[in-house]
Amino acid sequence: MPARLKKGGSRETVSANIKELVHDWEKDGTIGNSHPRTKQQAVKQAVAISLGEARQTARGKAKPPPPPAGTPSAAKEKRQRRRAS
């Protein structure tokens, strides 16, 4: 996989990564370690790689803030944290 793939999960970023990977395939016949025979297969492989990259960058995002204190969901979350410890 080329190091020049953009990180991010937006539609524009994923589309740019797909375009870059298909361009690489047209140039040298490979996408990462695979050698798709047709352009259709190359596009499918590029989509899978781009969406995987987007999913990995989405995992690094911050967690949502905890619920306000005194709410039923806050008490439930506190119980779950105690059980996990």
Protein backbone atom coordinates (compact mmCIF):
# COMPACT_ATOMS: atom_id res chain seq x y z
CA MET A 1 0.00 0.00 0.00
CA PRO A 2 1.46 3.37 -0.92
CA ALA A 3 2.42 5.65 1.93
CA ARG A 4 0.78 8.59 0.18
CA LEU A 5 -2.79 7.56 1.02
CA LYS A 6 -4.58 10.31 2.89
CA LYS A 7 -5.84 9.68 6.38
CA GLY A 8 -9.45 10.49 7.18
CA GLY A 9 -12.95 9.19 6.79
CA SER A 10 -14.63 11.85 4.70
CA ARG A 11 -16.12 10.98 1.33
CA GLU A 12 -13.61 13.22 -0.46
CA THR A 13 -10.65 11.55 1.23
CA VAL A 14 -11.90 8.04 0.49
CA SER A 15 -12.56 8.99 -3.15
CA ALA A 16 -9.09 10.49 -3.50
CA ASN A 17 -7.54 7.32 -2.07
CA ILE A 18 -9.52 5.13 -4.49
CA LYS A 19 -8.40 7.28 -7.40
CA GLU A 20 -4.77 7.07 -6.25
CA LEU A 21 -4.87 3.28 -5.89
CA VAL A 22 -6.52 2.76 -9.29
CA HIS A 23 -3.92 5.05 -10.84
CA ASP A 24 -1.18 2.90 -9.29
CA TRP A 25 -2.83 -0.20 -10.75
CA GLU A 26 -2.97 1.37 -14.22
CA LYS A 27 0.69 2.30 -13.91
CA ASP A 28 2.25 -0.94 -12.67
CA GLY A 29 -0.53 -3.52 -12.35
CA THR A 30 -0.48 -3.81 -8.56
CA ILE A 31 -2.47 -2.51 -5.66
CA GLY A 32 -0.48 -3.18 -2.53
CA ASN A 33 0.49 -6.84 -2.77
CA SER A 34 -2.40 -7.88 -5.03
CA HIS A 35 -2.43 -8.04 -8.83
CA PRO A 36 -6.04 -7.55 -10.00
CA ARG A 37 -6.53 -8.66 -13.61
CA THR A 38 -9.28 -6.23 -14.63
CA LYS A 39 -10.03 -2.62 -13.84
CA GLN A 40 -13.28 -3.67 -12.19
CA GLN A 41 -11.38 -5.92 -9.77
CA ALA A 42 -8.84 -3.17 -9.19
CA VAL A 43 -11.59 -0.71 -8.28
CA LYS A 44 -13.15 -3.21 -5.86
CA GLN A 45 -9.78 -3.76 -4.20
CA ALA A 46 -9.15 0.00 -4.03
CA VAL A 47 -12.55 0.59 -2.40
CA ALA A 48 -11.85 -2.08 0.22
CA ILE A 49 -8.43 -0.63 1.04
CA SER A 50 -9.74 2.95 1.20
CA LEU A 51 -12.67 2.10 3.43
CA GLY A 52 -10.39 0.07 5.69
CA GLU A 53 -8.07 3.05 6.00
CA ALA A 54 -11.04 5.31 6.81
CA ARG A 55 -12.25 2.86 9.46
CA GLN A 56 -8.82 2.73 11.08
CA THR A 57 -8.58 6.51 11.33
CA ALA A 58 -12.12 6.67 12.74
CA ARG A 59 -11.08 4.34 15.58
CA GLY A 60 -8.54 6.87 16.78
CA LYS A 61 -11.14 9.58 17.36
CA ALA A 62 -12.05 10.64 20.88
CA LYS A 63 -14.85 8.93 22.76
CA PRO A 64 -18.09 10.86 23.30
CA PRO A 65 -18.32 12.74 26.60
CA PRO A 66 -19.83 10.87 29.57
CA PRO A 67 -23.49 11.49 30.43
CA PRO A 68 -24.28 14.20 33.00
CA ALA A 69 -24.03 13.15 36.65
CA GLY A 70 -27.27 12.17 38.35
CA THR A 71 -28.93 10.72 35.25
CA PRO A 72 -29.94 7.06 35.01
CA SER A 73 -27.46 6.50 32.17
CA ALA A 74 -24.62 7.91 34.30
CA ALA A 75 -25.43 5.48 37.12
CA LYS A 76 -25.56 2.58 34.67
CA GLU A 77 -22.18 3.55 33.20
CA LYS A 78 -20.67 3.77 36.70
CA ARG A 79 -21.94 0.23 37.52
CA GLN A 80 -20.46 -1.12 34.29
CA ARG A 81 -17.07 0.44 35.06
CA ARG A 82 -17.10 -1.13 38.53
CA ARG A 83 -17.91 -4.58 37.12
CA ALA A 84 -15.15 -4.36 34.53
CA SER A 85 -12.50 -3.62 37.16
